[in-house]
Structures are given as C-alpha cells and as structure tokens.
Protein backbone atom coordinates (compact mmCIF):
# COMPACT_ATOMS: atom_id res chain seq x y z
CA UNK A 1 -108.66 11.56 54.38
CA UNK A 2 -107.96 13.93 56.77
CA UNK A 3 -105.19 15.25 55.54
CA UNK A 4 -106.75 16.42 52.17
CA UNK A 5 -109.41 18.41 54.39
CA UNK A 6 -106.55 19.93 56.46
CA UNK A 7 -105.27 21.47 52.78
CA UNK A 8 -108.26 22.45 52.25
CA UNK A 9 -108.38 24.65 55.06
CA UNK A 10 -105.30 26.71 54.90
CA UNK A 11 -105.07 30.03 54.23
CA UNK A 12 -104.25 31.19 50.61
CA UNK A 13 -101.16 33.05 51.85
CA UNK A 14 -99.10 31.19 54.66
CA UNK A 15 -96.07 31.38 56.11
CA UNK A 16 -94.25 27.88 55.45
CA UNK A 17 -90.90 28.46 57.34
CA UNK A 18 -89.13 30.62 59.90
CA UNK A 19 -85.58 30.67 61.14
CA UNK A 20 -84.40 31.98 64.48
CA UNK A 21 -84.67 35.54 65.99
CA UNK A 22 -82.98 38.40 64.07
CA UNK A 23 -82.71 40.11 60.76
CA UNK A 24 -83.82 37.97 58.25
CA UNK A 25 -85.11 38.19 54.68
CA UNK A 26 -88.46 37.37 53.75
CA UNK A 27 -89.68 36.22 49.86
CA UNK A 28 -93.01 35.51 48.77
CA UNK A 29 -93.57 32.54 45.94
CA UNK A 30 -97.05 33.11 44.24
CA UNK A 31 -97.99 29.54 42.56
CA UNK A 32 -100.63 27.91 41.29
CA UNK A 33 -103.53 25.54 43.29
CA UNK A 34 -101.83 22.10 43.24
CA UNK A 35 -98.06 23.29 44.59
CA UNK A 36 -98.96 23.62 47.88
CA UNK A 37 -97.55 20.89 49.59
CA UNK A 38 -94.77 20.95 47.12
CA UNK A 39 -93.47 24.04 48.00
CA UNK A 40 -93.84 23.52 51.52
CA UNK A 41 -91.25 20.90 51.69
CA UNK A 42 -89.08 22.68 49.13
CA UNK A 43 -89.41 25.73 51.64
CA UNK A 44 -88.46 23.96 54.08
CA UNK A 45 -85.19 22.71 52.74
CA UNK A 46 -83.99 25.91 51.25
CA UNK A 47 -84.17 27.56 54.47
CA UNK A 48 -82.13 24.96 55.82
CA UNK A 49 -79.94 25.16 53.62
CA UNK A 50 -79.45 28.97 53.94
CA UNK A 51 -79.10 29.22 57.65
CA UNK A 52 -76.10 26.96 56.89
CA UNK A 53 -74.58 29.83 55.64
CA UNK A 54 -75.65 31.93 58.15
CA UNK A 55 -78.53 33.73 56.67
CA UNK A 56 -82.34 33.45 57.96
CA UNK A 57 -84.86 33.40 55.03
CA UNK A 58 -88.25 33.20 55.37
CA UNK A 59 -90.73 32.03 52.66
CA UNK A 60 -94.12 33.05 52.17
CA UNK A 61 -96.50 31.34 49.73
CA UNK A 62 -100.04 32.33 48.38
CA UNK A 63 -101.89 29.86 45.84
CA UNK A 64 -104.79 30.12 43.77
CA UNK A 65 -106.05 29.61 40.25
CA UNK A 66 -103.09 30.48 37.97
CA UNK A 67 -104.48 33.33 36.13
CA UNK A 68 -106.44 34.56 39.33
CA UNK A 69 -102.94 34.42 40.87
CA UNK A 70 -100.90 36.32 38.01
CA UNK A 71 -103.43 39.23 38.42
CA UNK A 72 -103.00 39.88 41.85
CA UNK A 73 -99.38 40.06 41.28
CA UNK A 74 -100.43 42.72 38.62
CA UNK A 75 -102.96 44.17 41.28
CA UNK A 76 -99.97 44.83 42.92
CA UNK A 77 -99.71 41.87 45.52
CA UNK A 78 -95.44 41.83 46.36
CA UNK A 79 -94.30 38.53 45.10
CA UNK A 80 -90.50 37.87 45.03
CA UNK A 81 -90.65 35.28 42.38
CA UNK A 82 -93.85 33.56 40.67
CA UNK A 83 -94.34 29.77 40.09
CA UNK A 84 -97.39 29.92 37.84
CA UNK A 85 -98.98 27.01 35.72
CA UNK A 86 -98.59 28.39 32.49
CA UNK A 87 -96.09 30.49 30.58
CA UNK A 88 -98.74 32.76 29.06
CA UNK A 89 -99.88 33.35 32.56
CA UNK A 90 -95.93 34.68 33.52
CA UNK A 91 -95.60 36.73 30.30
CA UNK A 92 -98.73 38.83 31.12
CA UNK A 93 -96.28 40.31 33.78
CA UNK A 94 -93.73 40.94 31.38
CA UNK A 95 -95.92 42.60 29.13
CA UNK A 96 -96.86 44.61 32.09
CA UNK A 97 -93.35 45.64 32.78
CA UNK A 98 -93.04 43.82 36.14
CA UNK A 99 -90.63 41.40 35.39
CA UNK A 100 -87.94 41.42 32.25
CA UNK A 101 -88.72 40.59 28.64
CA UNK A 102 -86.42 38.18 28.90
CA UNK A 103 -87.57 36.41 31.92
CA UNK A 104 -87.14 32.80 30.75
CA UNK A 105 -83.16 33.72 30.71
CA UNK A 106 -82.74 35.16 34.06
CA UNK A 107 -82.31 31.30 35.60
CA UNK A 108 -79.13 30.46 34.84
CA UNK A 109 -80.39 26.72 34.96
CA UNK A 110 -83.46 27.55 33.23
CA UNK A 111 -86.80 28.49 34.55
CA UNK A 112 -88.81 24.97 34.41
CA UNK A 113 -87.55 23.01 37.20
CA UNK A 114 -90.27 20.50 36.38
CA UNK A 115 -93.16 19.57 33.82
CA UNK A 116 -96.53 17.62 34.26
CA UNK A 117 -99.43 16.32 32.35
CA UNK A 118 -103.50 16.09 32.36
CA UNK A 119 -104.79 12.66 33.70
CA UNK A 120 -107.75 11.41 35.06
CA UNK A 121 -109.00 10.23 38.56
CA UNK A 122 -112.29 7.52 38.44
CA UNK A 123 -114.07 6.09 41.00
CA UNK A 124 -113.15 2.39 41.90
CA UNK A 125 -113.65 0.27 39.58
CA UNK A 126 -114.27 2.70 36.88
CA UNK A 127 -117.90 1.93 36.70
CA UNK A 128 -118.28 4.24 33.95
CA UNK A 129 -115.66 2.63 31.72
CA UNK A 130 -113.70 5.78 31.23
CA UNK A 131 -110.33 4.64 29.11
CA UNK A 132 -109.64 8.13 26.90
CA UNK A 133 -111.27 11.42 25.75
CA UNK A 134 -114.27 9.93 24.02
CA UNK A 135 -115.53 8.79 27.14
CA UNK A 136 -116.28 12.02 28.84
CA UNK A 137 -118.85 13.14 26.35
CA UNK A 138 -120.95 9.85 26.79
CA UNK A 139 -124.26 10.07 28.05
CA UNK A 140 -124.65 10.42 32.23
CA UNK A 141 -120.96 11.19 32.64
CA UNK A 142 -120.47 13.91 35.07
CA UNK A 143 -117.03 15.43 34.30
CA UNK A 144 -115.05 17.70 37.28
CA UNK A 145 -112.79 20.01 36.65
CA UNK A 146 -111.81 23.93 37.10
CA UNK A 147 -113.22 26.69 35.18
CA UNK A 148 -110.57 28.21 32.70
CA UNK A 149 -111.18 31.87 33.23
CA UNK A 150 -109.23 31.61 36.52
CA UNK A 151 -107.51 28.25 36.44
CA UNK A 152 -104.60 27.19 34.63
CA UNK A 153 -104.68 23.62 34.61
CA UNK A 154 -108.26 24.22 33.69
CA UNK A 155 -107.12 25.79 30.25
CA UNK A 156 -105.10 22.48 29.94
CA UNK A 157 -107.97 20.22 30.49
CA UNK A 158 -109.60 22.02 27.67
CA UNK A 159 -106.52 22.37 25.19
CA UNK A 160 -105.50 18.32 26.11
CA UNK A 161 -109.33 17.29 25.02
CA UNK A 162 -108.83 19.52 22.42
CA UNK A 163 -105.46 18.15 20.69
CA UNK A 164 -106.52 14.73 21.60
CA UNK A 165 -109.85 14.87 19.06
CA UNK A 166 -106.90 16.43 16.63
CA UNK A 167 -104.55 13.82 17.38
CA UNK A 168 -107.76 11.25 16.41
CA UNK A 169 -108.04 12.88 13.18
CA UNK A 170 -104.06 12.47 12.25
CA UNK A 171 -103.55 16.37 11.97
CA UNK A 172 -99.90 17.22 11.32
CA UNK A 173 -97.77 19.60 9.86
CA UNK A 174 -98.64 18.15 6.78
CA UNK A 175 -102.57 18.34 7.03
CA UNK A 176 -103.93 20.62 4.78
CA UNK A 177 -106.02 23.84 5.65
CA UNK A 178 -109.13 21.70 5.09
CA UNK A 179 -108.64 19.07 6.69
CA UNK A 180 -107.39 20.76 10.10
CA UNK A 181 -110.77 22.93 9.92
CA UNK A 182 -112.67 19.72 9.77
CA UNK A 183 -110.84 18.46 13.05
CA UNK A 184 -111.10 21.79 15.11
CA UNK A 185 -114.59 21.98 14.12
CA UNK A 186 -114.91 18.05 15.67
CA UNK A 187 -113.03 19.11 18.46
CA UNK A 188 -115.43 22.44 19.24
CA UNK A 189 -118.09 19.69 19.28
CA UNK A 190 -116.05 17.21 21.56
CA UNK A 191 -115.26 20.42 24.28
CA UNK A 192 -119.14 21.72 23.83
CA UNK A 193 -120.27 18.14 24.88
CA UNK A 194 -117.51 17.79 27.59
CA UNK A 195 -118.44 20.75 29.52
CA UNK A 196 -122.25 20.20 28.99
CA UNK A 197 -121.28 17.09 31.29
CA UNK A 198 -119.84 19.34 33.89
CA UNK A 199 -122.10 19.93 36.77
CA UNK A 200 -119.59 22.86 38.64
CA UNK A 201 -116.38 24.64 37.82
CA UNK A 202 -114.72 25.35 40.80
CA UNK A 203 -112.17 28.48 40.26
CA UNK A 204 -109.10 26.47 40.91
CA UNK A 205 -107.83 22.92 40.56
CA UNK A 206 -107.63 22.45 44.33
CA UNK A 207 -111.29 23.19 44.55
CA UNK A 208 -112.05 20.64 41.82
CA UNK A 209 -110.21 17.92 43.71
CA UNK A 210 -112.24 18.39 47.07
CA UNK A 211 -115.55 18.41 44.80
CA UNK A 212 -114.86 15.12 43.56
CA UNK A 213 -112.73 13.25 46.31
CA UNK A 214 -114.38 14.78 49.47
CA UNK A 215 -118.23 16.08 48.06
CA UNK A 216 -117.99 12.64 46.43
CA UNK A 217 -119.65 14.95 43.09
CA UNK A 218 -118.79 13.30 39.68
CA UNK A 219 -117.37 9.92 38.04
CA UNK A 220 -114.11 11.45 36.62
CA UNK A 221 -111.87 14.52 37.58
CA UNK A 222 -109.73 15.40 34.84
CA UNK A 223 -106.63 17.39 36.70
CA UNK A 224 -102.57 17.40 37.16
CA UNK A 225 -101.11 14.46 37.56
CA UNK A 226 -99.75 15.37 40.75
CA UNK A 227 -103.09 16.56 41.83
CA UNK A 228 -104.60 12.73 40.78
CA UNK A 229 -100.93 11.35 43.00
CA UNK A 230 -102.51 13.34 46.07
CA UNK A 231 -106.33 12.13 45.83
CA UNK A 232 -105.19 8.41 45.50
CA UNK A 233 -102.68 8.41 48.01
CA UNK A 234 -105.63 9.77 50.27
CA UNK A 235 -108.16 7.50 49.47
CA UNK A 236 -106.41 4.42 47.80
CA UNK A 237 -109.43 2.36 47.94
CA UNK A 238 -111.65 4.74 46.19
CA UNK A 239 -109.99 6.11 43.43
CA UNK A 240 -108.41 5.25 40.40
CA UNK A 241 -106.12 6.91 38.03
CA UNK A 242 -106.27 6.81 34.38
CA UNK A 243 -104.14 7.73 31.61
CA UNK A 244 -105.45 8.85 28.01
CA UNK A 245 -103.38 7.89 25.30
CA UNK A 246 -102.42 11.85 24.60
CA UNK A 247 -102.43 14.51 26.55
CA UNK A 248 -101.10 18.18 27.16
CA UNK A 249 -97.27 18.72 28.09
CA UNK A 250 -97.61 21.05 30.86
CA UNK A 251 -94.70 23.37 32.03
CA UNK A 252 -95.04 25.58 34.59
CA UNK A 253 -92.32 28.22 34.81
CA UNK A 254 -90.99 30.23 37.38
CA UNK A 255 -89.75 33.43 37.49
CA UNK A 256 -88.19 36.76 39.46
CA UNK A 257 -90.36 39.41 40.06
CA UNK A 258 -87.84 42.38 38.62
CA UNK A 259 -90.10 45.24 39.78
CA UNK A 260 -90.64 43.99 43.55
CA UNK A 261 -87.18 42.61 44.15
CA UNK A 262 -85.19 45.75 43.09
CA UNK A 263 -87.64 47.69 45.55
CA UNK A 264 -87.47 45.06 48.60
CA UNK A 265 -83.29 44.26 47.95
CA UNK A 266 -84.28 40.77 47.61
CA UNK A 267 -83.10 39.55 44.14
CA UNK A 268 -80.18 37.39 45.38
CA UNK A 269 -82.23 35.38 47.52
CA UNK A 270 -85.00 35.44 44.81
CA UNK A 271 -82.59 34.15 42.39
CA UNK A 272 -80.76 31.61 44.81
CA UNK A 273 -84.58 30.11 45.86
CA UNK A 274 -85.37 29.84 41.84
CA UNK A 275 -81.78 28.00 41.41
CA UNK A 276 -82.28 25.72 44.60
CA UNK A 277 -85.12 24.15 42.55
CA UNK A 278 -82.80 22.56 39.92
CA UNK A 279 -80.26 21.01 42.72
CA UNK A 280 -80.50 17.17 43.32
CA UNK A 281 -82.38 17.27 46.65
CA UNK A 282 -85.15 19.59 45.15
CA UNK A 283 -85.13 17.18 41.74
CA UNK A 284 -85.98 14.62 44.51
CA UNK A 285 -88.86 16.44 46.22
CA UNK A 286 -90.35 17.40 42.80
CA UNK A 287 -90.73 13.74 41.97
CA UNK A 288 -92.05 12.30 45.46
CA UNK A 289 -94.72 14.95 45.03
CA UNK A 290 -95.91 13.75 41.72
CA UNK A 291 -93.74 16.40 39.30
CA UNK A 292 -92.05 15.31 36.46
CA UNK A 293 -88.02 16.53 37.44
CA UNK A 294 -86.15 18.03 34.23
CA UNK A 295 -82.75 16.89 35.91
CA UNK A 296 -82.41 13.57 33.65
CA UNK A 297 -80.52 11.52 36.45
CA UNK A 298 -83.18 12.18 38.72
CA UNK A 299 -85.82 11.34 36.38
CA UNK A 300 -84.27 8.55 35.49
CA UNK A 301 -84.31 7.17 39.06
CA UNK A 302 -87.68 7.72 39.43
CA UNK A 303 -89.17 6.65 35.87
CA UNK A 304 -91.20 3.64 37.33
CA UNK A 305 -93.01 6.61 39.56
CA UNK A 306 -94.38 7.98 36.12
CA UNK A 307 -96.27 6.65 33.59
CA UNK A 308 -95.04 6.92 29.60
CA UNK A 309 -97.67 9.08 27.89
CA UNK A 310 -97.67 10.91 24.59
CA UNK A 311 -97.94 14.51 24.76
CA UNK A 312 -98.05 17.36 22.72
CA UNK A 313 -97.47 21.37 23.58
CA UNK A 314 -99.18 24.43 22.50
CA UNK A 315 -97.92 24.73 18.98
CA UNK A 316 -99.33 21.50 18.09
CA UNK A 317 -102.60 23.31 19.28
CA UNK A 318 -101.81 27.16 17.28
CA UNK A 319 -99.04 27.77 15.74
CA UNK A 320 -99.27 31.12 17.04
CA UNK A 321 -97.77 29.96 20.44
CA UNK A 322 -99.50 30.59 23.94
CA UNK A 323 -100.13 34.26 23.37
CA UNK A 324 -102.65 33.29 20.32
CA UNK A 325 -104.13 30.47 22.16
CA UNK A 326 -104.95 32.45 25.04
CA UNK A 327 -106.90 34.91 23.00
CA UNK A 328 -108.68 32.53 21.10
CA UNK A 329 -110.11 29.98 23.59
CA UNK A 330 -109.77 31.84 26.72
CA UNK A 331 -110.06 35.46 26.74
CA UNK A 332 -113.38 37.23 26.72
CA UNK A 333 -115.89 36.13 23.63
CA UNK A 334 -113.18 33.45 23.07
CA UNK A 335 -114.48 29.87 22.46
CA UNK A 336 -115.00 29.02 25.91
CA UNK A 337 -117.19 31.53 26.56
CA UNK A 338 -118.97 30.72 23.22
CA UNK A 339 -119.17 27.08 24.16
CA UNK A 340 -120.18 26.98 27.99
CA UNK A 341 -123.42 27.65 29.26
CA UNK A 342 -123.56 27.31 32.87
CA UNK A 343 -125.95 24.55 34.05
CA UNK A 344 -126.03 22.95 30.40
CA UNK A 345 -129.16 22.70 28.43
C-alpha cells in the first residue's frame, strides 16, 4: 500500500526525467489522472532514446481530471502535447484554435496509442455479490467513482452504465424510436439510482482509487481497467476485479498543441514523442501498465493479460457522437445535473 500512498502525494506537475547539463528541449504532456505511472515509464525510455541521438529532452507531466485538464490548457498552461481521457476533451482544444482541426491526422501512426474499458473493483470475497451493472443499484451497495463534471473516466462510467441498460433492452440500429425511448427511460432510471448509491464523488479517477482502496469507503469501485489493476497489485489479498458483461470502449487520444509548440519551437520533439508511443518498446510498457495496446503483435503477446469483454462506443449511446453526448449528458443543465443530488435522499 506504501506505493499507492506515495502516488497520492505526488505533485500535480512533476519532472519525470532530465539529461546531462547543457541545452535541453523541454516539453509538457498534460494528461488525465490514471496515466501517472504509465507516462513516468514511457518518458524515461523516450528520454534515453533521444539522448542516443545527441539530444537532451525533459518531459514534464501534469495530471488531473480530464475535463479539468482540458480547461487548464484552454486557460493557458503551456502544454506541448495532450493525452486526455476523452475525444471530446481534446476536440474542445481544436474548437478554441489551440490544436489543428485535423488533429487526429497529425500523428502518422495515429492519435490512439492504446484503448481501455471500465470495470469494477470489489472487496475480497465479493461480499455484496456484485457481478454486473444491475448489482450497483441494489439497496445498501455503496458505489465509488469520480464526478462526471470534472473526470473523463467518470463520464465513461455513466455512459457504460447507460449503454449496458440499452444492451439489456436489445437496442440496435433496427430498434424503433418507441423501443429506444423506452430503453433510454430505463437507462435514466438506472443511472439515477446508481448515483444515489454514491456516497462521494471525487474530482478525478485517482482520487476515487484512494477513497476506495486507502480510505476503505464503498463496496464497489467503478473505474478504468488500469486503475483496477493498480489497486489489485497494491492490495492483492484485499480486492478483486469484476468484469461486467458489457462496458464502454475507452479511446484516449493524443494530440500536439500547435499554438504552444510553434511558439516554443518544440514541434519536432513533441511529434517524435507521440510517434514514440506506437513503438514496440512503448507498446510493451503500455500493456505492462494495464492499458490495451493498439499494436496487434504486442496485443497478441499479452492476450492472457487482458480479459475479453464486450464493448460499445459513443455512437451506440448517441448517433451524434461525442459532441452531442457531451451536451446531452454532461453540459450544465444536462442529464447528470438533472439526476444527481449530492448526498442522495
């Protein structure tokens, strides 16, 4: 548990690598909460490789709730690259003119170096018998997760629960408008009950990890797969991971912050940094840290590490994609504001 407590005490902005004395190129990666350990290791290897080419690089990291991190970049934090939890968070920067409108095409090997999903963590022996989403709305079950207003992972939690209800109602492209409306009413009722079972909503995913694993609050933690791995690694005799039948396919994209790299003259290093995430070495580190690599060969090598799970994407939730879903579910006055009452009944 000592390592987990140390993680919680890290500064939000921390230097992750440095080279020998002399001129250096420094870049800042603004990322979401659960990637601290992942990027610490990736940065170390990237810095080593760059030094072999005679260039000294420093990589600085900033972590927090994905939505809050996006706003910090909009407000002026000089990020060279962003690696946020949601496509919509990154695209907000494009709407503000901070990154290119075609930002997904700026990285030759792609802007999606890995993907993930949402799972459950429960106490040893699973005393509340939690097996799937319906168990989260049972009386007496305390659900731990972050706040969708600030955390990208929390948005995925809500959308995963919503989509699971639609799947329970067998909603598909062939469903009638009446069938979909009935299923969505059931989904609304479900997520309302789920959030009534939440005694606290932290601002970010790592805060919820600490609440559940350190403060011992709650019966089930709804979280990123890699966070579940971290908890299980730190407390192997106290926690178990449960995979629901259906969950959301999370796709955390990366992008260059054009307005900053052009001002700072760091575009080449920033681009090389994001391209590096697709290297075999980086993909191995990604897999070892509980994120699902996009490199097919590396994914095949680690297939025993990742349990098969049925997933759906944002288009299953809303045909309008992320922008429509963001407005519908998470904007001020949206569905989450309508259903959530702090403290419950």
